[in-house]
């Protein structure tokens, strides 16, 4: 059985000690999608959603979420993020979300990128739920990561 790094010898959850790990440049990219009704997509494109600018608000929420990840996910290390972007694109079926997070540190930023996408998606959902009860958040996943001992991962 593979050793679970978040469990100590007694089987209790604990924060992994990353103090001896080498600092490297690390990056993670996560993506997700919010499926919406055609009428909601039209409202987004026309900037007529009653709650305001959905895309700008979701972008800021995602960036803020990346910075707060260690406060939301147990055992997740706080990391000194050096860069974070959240890109949102209105498409025919909904909104595509991509978050890129970078750090020069001892642990990766996969959770930060995934959290950014998740919170951006939840923000979209919250802002359109009054006009689109059928909104669906889907396919949030890690697309790419690089840096550190485990090297590069790219979803194929």
C-alpha atoms as a PDB file:
ATOM      1  CA  UNK A   1       0.000   0.000   0.000  1.00  0.00           C
ATOM      2  CA  UNK A   2       1.238   3.493  -0.830  1.00  0.00           C
ATOM      3  CA  UNK A   3       2.252   5.581   2.160  1.00  0.00           C
ATOM      4  CA  UNK A   4      -0.252   8.362   2.792  1.00  0.00           C
ATOM      5  CA  UNK A   5       1.752  11.480   3.568  1.00  0.00           C
ATOM      6  CA  UNK A   6      -1.045  13.230   5.460  1.00  0.00           C
ATOM      7  CA  UNK A   7      -1.194  10.469   8.078  1.00  0.00           C
ATOM      8  CA  UNK A   8       1.335  10.040  10.876  1.00  0.00           C
ATOM      9  CA  UNK A   9       2.563   6.687  12.261  1.00  0.00           C
ATOM     10  CA  UNK A  10      -0.587   6.443  14.406  1.00  0.00           C
ATOM     11  CA  UNK A  11      -2.857   7.027  11.422  1.00  0.00           C
ATOM     12  CA  UNK A  12      -3.828  10.518  12.544  1.00  0.00           C
ATOM     13  CA  UNK A  13      -4.126  13.333  10.030  1.00  0.00           C
ATOM     14  CA  UNK A  14      -1.316  15.891  10.216  1.00  0.00           C
ATOM     15  CA  UNK A  15       0.240  18.603   8.102  1.00  0.00           C
ATOM     16  CA  UNK A  16       3.172  17.300   6.067  1.00  0.00           C
ATOM     17  CA  UNK A  17       6.562  18.825   6.966  1.00  0.00           C
ATOM     18  CA  UNK A  18       7.872  20.442   3.781  1.00  0.00           C
ATOM     19  CA  UNK A  19      10.741  22.254   5.507  1.00  0.00           C
ATOM     20  CA  UNK A  20      13.453  20.060   4.000  1.00  0.00           C
ATOM     21  CA  UNK A  21      12.054  20.213   0.457  1.00  0.00           C
ATOM     22  CA  UNK A  22      13.885  22.281  -2.132  1.00  0.00           C
ATOM     23  CA  UNK A  23      12.272  25.527  -3.232  1.00  0.00           C
ATOM     24  CA  UNK A  24      11.458  25.461  -6.934  1.00  0.00           C
ATOM     25  CA  UNK A  25       9.280  27.358  -9.359  1.00  0.00           C
ATOM     26  CA  UNK A  26       5.899  25.649  -9.416  1.00  0.00           C
ATOM     27  CA  UNK A  27       2.801  26.226 -11.485  1.00  0.00           C
ATOM     28  CA  UNK A  28      -0.664  24.695 -11.666  1.00  0.00           C
ATOM     29  CA  UNK A  29      -3.513  25.186 -14.116  1.00  0.00           C
ATOM     30  CA  UNK A  30      -7.050  24.081 -13.328  1.00  0.00           C
ATOM     31  CA  UNK A  31     -10.177  24.362 -15.446  1.00  0.00           C
ATOM     32  CA  UNK A  32     -13.925  24.050 -15.079  1.00  0.00           C
ATOM     33  CA  UNK A  33     -17.198  24.949 -16.748  1.00  0.00           C
ATOM     34  CA  UNK A  34     -20.551  26.433 -15.755  1.00  0.00           C
ATOM     35  CA  UNK A  35     -23.336  25.229 -18.059  1.00  0.00           C
ATOM     36  CA  UNK A  36     -26.085  27.831 -18.531  1.00  0.00           C
ATOM     37  CA  UNK A  37     -29.324  28.407 -20.404  1.00  0.00           C
ATOM     38  CA  UNK A  38     -29.077  30.289 -23.720  1.00  0.00           C
ATOM     39  CA  UNK A  39     -31.046  33.184 -22.206  1.00  0.00           C
ATOM     40  CA  UNK A  40     -28.509  33.443 -19.352  1.00  0.00           C
ATOM     41  CA  UNK A  41     -25.624  33.436 -21.794  1.00  0.00           C
ATOM     42  CA  UNK A  42     -27.328  36.253 -23.702  1.00  0.00           C
ATOM     43  CA  UNK A  43     -27.673  38.219 -20.434  1.00  0.00           C
ATOM     44  CA  UNK A  44     -23.965  37.700 -19.720  1.00  0.00           C
ATOM     45  CA  UNK A  45     -23.000  38.886 -23.200  1.00  0.00           C
ATOM     46  CA  UNK A  46     -25.315  41.910 -22.942  1.00  0.00           C
ATOM     47  CA  UNK A  47     -24.211  42.712 -19.364  1.00  0.00           C
ATOM     48  CA  UNK A  48     -27.846  42.626 -18.200  1.00  0.00           C
ATOM     49  CA  UNK A  49     -27.591  40.163 -15.313  1.00  0.00           C
ATOM     50  CA  UNK A  50     -29.458  41.864 -12.417  1.00  0.00           C
ATOM     51  CA  UNK A  51     -26.637  41.254  -9.893  1.00  0.00           C
ATOM     52  CA  UNK A  52     -24.029  43.045 -12.010  1.00  0.00           C
ATOM     53  CA  UNK A  53     -20.825  42.136 -13.846  1.00  0.00           C
ATOM     54  CA  UNK A  54     -20.678  38.365 -13.367  1.00  0.00           C
ATOM     55  CA  UNK A  55     -17.395  37.791 -15.191  1.00  0.00           C
ATOM     56  CA  UNK A  56     -15.423  40.507 -13.386  1.00  0.00           C
ATOM     57  CA  UNK A  57     -16.820  39.468 -10.007  1.00  0.00           C
ATOM     58  CA  UNK A  58     -16.040  35.780 -10.613  1.00  0.00           C
ATOM     59  CA  UNK A  59     -12.476  36.642 -11.706  1.00  0.00           C
ATOM     60  CA  UNK A  60     -11.798  38.591  -8.501  1.00  0.00           C
ATOM     61  CA  UNK A  61     -13.456  35.891  -6.371  1.00  0.00           C
ATOM     62  CA  UNK A  62     -11.245  33.225  -7.949  1.00  0.00           C
ATOM     63  CA  UNK A  63      -8.045  35.178  -7.353  1.00  0.00           C
ATOM     64  CA  UNK A  64      -9.052  35.873  -3.754  1.00  0.00           C
ATOM     65  CA  UNK A  65      -9.875  32.184  -3.241  1.00  0.00           C
ATOM     66  CA  UNK A  66      -6.449  31.085  -4.463  1.00  0.00           C
ATOM     67  CA  UNK A  67      -4.881  33.306  -1.804  1.00  0.00           C
ATOM     68  CA  UNK A  68      -7.150  31.878   0.934  1.00  0.00           C
ATOM     69  CA  UNK A  69      -6.885  28.175   0.054  1.00  0.00           C
ATOM     70  CA  UNK A  70      -4.970  27.148   3.178  1.00  0.00           C
ATOM     71  CA  UNK A  71      -7.754  28.654   5.293  1.00  0.00           C
ATOM     72  CA  UNK A  72     -10.377  26.545   3.508  1.00  0.00           C
ATOM     73  CA  UNK A  73      -8.744  23.137   3.047  1.00  0.00           C
ATOM     74  CA  UNK A  74      -7.471  21.293   6.121  1.00  0.00           C
ATOM     75  CA  UNK A  75      -3.758  20.402   6.069  1.00  0.00           C
ATOM     76  CA  UNK A  76      -3.084  22.628   3.051  1.00  0.00           C
ATOM     77  CA  UNK A  77       0.044  24.750   3.465  1.00  0.00           C
ATOM     78  CA  UNK A  78      -0.139  28.521   3.120  1.00  0.00           C
ATOM     79  CA  UNK A  79       2.041  29.415   0.149  1.00  0.00           C
ATOM     80  CA  UNK A  80       3.447  32.752  -1.015  1.00  0.00           C
ATOM     81  CA  UNK A  81       1.678  32.917  -4.382  1.00  0.00           C
ATOM     82  CA  UNK A  82       3.728  34.931  -6.854  1.00  0.00           C
ATOM     83  CA  UNK A  83       1.075  35.088  -9.583  1.00  0.00           C
ATOM     84  CA  UNK A  84      -2.554  34.116 -10.077  1.00  0.00           C
ATOM     85  CA  UNK A  85      -4.844  34.578 -13.040  1.00  0.00           C
ATOM     86  CA  UNK A  86      -8.434  33.520 -13.555  1.00  0.00           C
ATOM     87  CA  UNK A  87      -9.682  33.606 -17.145  1.00  0.00           C
ATOM     88  CA  UNK A  88     -13.366  33.293 -17.972  1.00  0.00           C
ATOM     89  CA  UNK A  89     -14.768  32.914 -21.481  1.00  0.00           C
ATOM     90  CA  UNK A  90     -18.418  33.044 -22.380  1.00  0.00           C
ATOM     91  CA  UNK A  91     -19.168  30.208 -24.787  1.00  0.00           C
ATOM     92  CA  UNK A  92     -22.345  29.006 -26.484  1.00  0.00           C
ATOM     93  CA  UNK A  93     -23.094  26.498 -23.690  1.00  0.00           C
ATOM     94  CA  UNK A  94     -21.844  28.472 -20.654  1.00  0.00           C
ATOM     95  CA  UNK A  95     -18.683  29.895 -19.125  1.00  0.00           C
ATOM     96  CA  UNK A  96     -15.276  28.208 -19.367  1.00  0.00           C
ATOM     97  CA  UNK A  97     -12.956  28.937 -16.440  1.00  0.00           C
ATOM     98  CA  UNK A  98      -9.183  28.542 -16.254  1.00  0.00           C
ATOM     99  CA  UNK A  99      -6.982  29.436 -13.289  1.00  0.00           C
ATOM    100  CA  UNK A 100      -3.190  29.570 -13.309  1.00  0.00           C
ATOM    101  CA  UNK A 101      -1.279  29.877 -10.039  1.00  0.00           C
ATOM    102  CA  UNK A 102       2.499  30.198  -9.613  1.00  0.00           C
ATOM    103  CA  UNK A 103       4.832  30.089  -6.629  1.00  0.00           C
ATOM    104  CA  UNK A 104       8.521  29.757  -5.832  1.00  0.00           C
ATOM    105  CA  UNK A 105       8.297  27.446  -2.868  1.00  0.00           C
ATOM    106  CA  UNK A 106       8.470  24.026  -1.235  1.00  0.00           C
ATOM    107  CA  UNK A 107       5.017  22.763  -2.149  1.00  0.00           C
ATOM    108  CA  UNK A 108       2.781  22.970  -5.185  1.00  0.00           C
ATOM    109  CA  UNK A 109      -0.229  25.112  -5.951  1.00  0.00           C
ATOM    110  CA  UNK A 110      -2.650  22.574  -7.395  1.00  0.00           C
ATOM    111  CA  UNK A 111      -5.141  23.145  -4.592  1.00  0.00           C
ATOM    112  CA  UNK A 112      -4.935  26.910  -5.082  1.00  0.00           C
ATOM    113  CA  UNK A 113      -5.715  26.603  -8.807  1.00  0.00           C
ATOM    114  CA  UNK A 114      -8.587  24.173  -8.154  1.00  0.00           C
ATOM    115  CA  UNK A 115      -9.980  26.419  -5.419  1.00  0.00           C
ATOM    116  CA  UNK A 116      -9.792  29.457  -7.716  1.00  0.00           C
ATOM    117  CA  UNK A 117     -11.809  27.672 -10.412  1.00  0.00           C
ATOM    118  CA  UNK A 118     -14.321  26.311  -7.902  1.00  0.00           C
ATOM    119  CA  UNK A 119     -14.995  29.667  -6.253  1.00  0.00           C
ATOM    120  CA  UNK A 120     -15.179  31.482  -9.598  1.00  0.00           C
ATOM    121  CA  UNK A 121     -17.763  28.886 -10.690  1.00  0.00           C
ATOM    122  CA  UNK A 122     -19.710  29.223  -7.442  1.00  0.00           C
ATOM    123  CA  UNK A 123     -19.706  33.009  -7.860  1.00  0.00           C
ATOM    124  CA  UNK A 124     -21.176  32.676 -11.348  1.00  0.00           C
ATOM    125  CA  UNK A 125     -23.789  30.275  -9.995  1.00  0.00           C
ATOM    126  CA  UNK A 126     -24.689  32.662  -7.172  1.00  0.00           C
ATOM    127  CA  UNK A 127     -25.003  35.647  -9.479  1.00  0.00           C
ATOM    128  CA  UNK A 128     -27.217  33.899 -12.065  1.00  0.00           C
ATOM    129  CA  UNK A 129     -29.297  31.574  -9.893  1.00  0.00           C
ATOM    130  CA  UNK A 130     -32.252  33.983  -9.863  1.00  0.00           C
ATOM    131  CA  UNK A 131     -32.481  33.828 -13.674  1.00  0.00           C
ATOM    132  CA  UNK A 132     -31.159  30.286 -14.255  1.00  0.00           C
ATOM    133  CA  UNK A 133     -32.088  27.577 -11.743  1.00  0.00           C
ATOM    134  CA  UNK A 134     -30.632  24.957 -14.088  1.00  0.00           C
ATOM    135  CA  UNK A 135     -27.018  26.237 -13.956  1.00  0.00           C
ATOM    136  CA  UNK A 136     -24.549  23.364 -13.509  1.00  0.00           C
ATOM    137  CA  UNK A 137     -20.929  23.487 -12.378  1.00  0.00           C
ATOM    138  CA  UNK A 138     -19.005  20.710 -14.069  1.00  0.00           C
ATOM    139  CA  UNK A 139     -15.664  19.167 -14.893  1.00  0.00           C
ATOM    140  CA  UNK A 140     -13.449  21.042 -12.418  1.00  0.00           C
ATOM    141  CA  UNK A 141     -10.035  19.406 -12.677  1.00  0.00           C
ATOM    142  CA  UNK A 142      -6.272  19.884 -12.766  1.00  0.00           C
ATOM    143  CA  UNK A 143      -5.071  20.380 -16.316  1.00  0.00           C
ATOM    144  CA  UNK A 144      -1.344  20.936 -15.745  1.00  0.00           C
ATOM    145  CA  UNK A 145       1.273  21.207 -13.033  1.00  0.00           C
ATOM    146  CA  UNK A 146       5.041  21.534 -13.029  1.00  0.00           C
ATOM    147  CA  UNK A 147       7.829  21.934 -10.506  1.00  0.00           C
ATOM    148  CA  UNK A 148       8.998  20.046  -7.481  1.00  0.00           C
ATOM    149  CA  UNK A 149      10.044  16.447  -7.033  1.00  0.00           C
ATOM    150  CA  UNK A 150       7.103  14.897  -8.895  1.00  0.00           C
ATOM    151  CA  UNK A 151       7.819  16.996 -11.990  1.00  0.00           C
ATOM    152  CA  UNK A 152       5.357  17.723 -14.734  1.00  0.00           C
ATOM    153  CA  UNK A 153       1.770  16.510 -15.141  1.00  0.00           C
ATOM    154  CA  UNK A 154      -0.323  17.266 -18.174  1.00  0.00           C
ATOM    155  CA  UNK A 155      -3.811  15.888 -18.701  1.00  0.00           C
ATOM    156  CA  UNK A 156      -3.899  14.185 -22.064  1.00  0.00           C
END
